[in-house]
Amino acid sequence: MQSLNEGERIAFTSCIEVVLMRSGNIYYHAVLSKLEAYYNCRALQLLENIEHLRDVLKEVYGKQYDSILDNISAETDQLENLDEFKARFFKIMKS
């Protein structure tokens, strides 16, 4: 399984944050607040426990969750050499 170096982790996390910010400031802050409150997880730790991110995104976005995943997928398409990690990430996020 591919693990990310720090630069790749920051780039992937930034893609997620860009999508969440585009969806609205309230949603973005709700996601970050819930991650910290429920799991003591900060923005740069989003990829350490993808399941936590999935659960919070489902809670915050509800029926829009699949759309958010599509947007994250499109945003991360610009990242090169991360196909194995992206496949694992989206497998978890779609479960």
Protein backbone atom coordinates (compact mmCIF):
# COMPACT_ATOMS: atom_id res chain seq x y z
CA MET A 1 0.00 0.00 0.00
CA GLN A 2 1.34 3.36 -0.97
CA SER A 3 1.97 5.77 1.86
CA LEU A 4 2.19 9.47 1.22
CA ASN A 5 5.18 11.63 1.90
CA GLU A 6 4.53 14.93 3.65
CA GLY A 7 4.27 16.95 0.44
CA GLU A 8 1.79 14.50 -1.09
CA ARG A 9 -0.25 14.43 2.13
CA ILE A 10 -0.42 18.23 2.19
CA ALA A 11 -1.38 18.37 -1.50
CA PHE A 12 -4.13 15.75 -1.12
CA THR A 13 -5.47 17.40 2.04
CA SER A 14 -5.45 20.77 0.29
CA CYS A 15 -7.58 19.33 -2.52
CA ILE A 16 -10.13 18.13 0.04
CA GLU A 17 -10.13 21.50 1.77
CA VAL A 18 -10.60 23.37 -1.52
CA VAL A 19 -13.69 21.31 -2.31
CA LEU A 20 -15.12 21.81 1.16
CA MET A 21 -14.46 25.56 1.04
CA ARG A 22 -16.17 25.81 -2.34
CA SER A 23 -19.26 24.18 -0.86
CA GLY A 24 -19.54 26.98 1.66
CA ASN A 25 -17.73 28.36 4.64
CA ILE A 26 -20.34 27.04 7.08
CA TYR A 27 -19.97 23.47 5.81
CA TYR A 28 -16.17 23.67 5.79
CA HIS A 29 -16.07 24.86 9.41
CA ALA A 30 -18.71 22.32 10.44
CA VAL A 31 -16.57 19.49 9.07
CA LEU A 32 -13.43 20.72 10.81
CA SER A 33 -15.27 21.37 14.08
CA LYS A 34 -16.88 17.93 14.13
CA LEU A 35 -13.60 16.19 13.28
CA GLU A 36 -11.93 17.94 16.18
CA ALA A 37 -14.82 17.44 18.60
CA TYR A 38 -15.46 13.77 17.79
CA TYR A 39 -11.99 12.51 16.95
CA ASN A 40 -9.50 15.19 18.08
CA CYS A 41 -8.48 15.43 14.42
CA ARG A 42 -7.12 18.58 12.77
CA ALA A 43 -7.00 19.47 9.07
CA LEU A 44 -3.57 17.98 8.34
CA GLN A 45 -4.63 14.73 10.02
CA LEU A 46 -7.58 14.13 7.66
CA LEU A 47 -5.85 11.24 5.91
CA GLU A 48 -4.70 9.42 9.04
CA ASN A 49 -8.20 8.03 9.68
CA ILE A 50 -10.15 8.31 6.46
CA GLU A 51 -13.14 6.62 8.07
CA HIS A 52 -13.54 9.57 10.45
CA LEU A 53 -13.56 11.99 7.54
CA ARG A 54 -16.12 9.82 5.73
CA ASP A 55 -18.45 9.72 8.73
CA VAL A 56 -18.29 13.48 9.31
CA LEU A 57 -18.77 14.30 5.62
CA LYS A 58 -21.82 12.03 5.51
CA GLU A 59 -23.22 13.75 8.60
CA VAL A 60 -22.59 17.29 7.38
CA TYR A 61 -23.46 16.88 3.70
CA GLY A 62 -26.19 14.24 3.85
CA LYS A 63 -27.62 13.71 0.37
CA GLN A 64 -24.88 15.90 -1.14
CA TYR A 65 -22.17 13.48 0.04
CA ASP A 66 -21.77 11.75 -3.35
CA SER A 67 -21.45 15.12 -5.05
CA ILE A 68 -18.72 16.12 -2.60
CA LEU A 69 -16.87 12.87 -3.35
CA ASP A 70 -17.13 13.56 -7.09
CA ASN A 71 -15.71 17.03 -6.54
CA ILE A 72 -12.85 15.68 -4.41
CA SER A 73 -12.11 13.11 -7.11
CA ALA A 74 -12.01 15.81 -9.79
CA GLU A 75 -9.80 18.04 -7.66
CA THR A 76 -7.34 15.24 -6.86
CA ASP A 77 -7.08 14.25 -10.53
CA GLN A 78 -4.42 16.92 -10.87
CA LEU A 79 -2.16 15.03 -8.45
CA GLU A 80 0.27 12.71 -10.20
CA ASN A 81 1.58 9.33 -9.03
CA LEU A 82 -1.07 8.86 -6.35
CA ASP A 83 -3.38 6.44 -8.14
CA GLU A 84 -2.99 3.64 -5.58
CA PHE A 85 -3.64 5.97 -2.65
CA LYS A 86 -6.60 7.62 -4.40
CA ALA A 87 -8.12 4.19 -5.10
CA ARG A 88 -7.80 3.25 -1.41
CA PHE A 89 -9.13 6.63 -0.28
CA PHE A 90 -12.25 6.47 -2.46
CA LYS A 91 -12.87 2.80 -1.63
CA ILE A 92 -13.09 3.78 2.04
CA MET A 93 -15.08 6.94 1.34
CA LYS A 94 -17.69 5.01 -0.69
CA SER A 95 -18.16 2.30 1.92
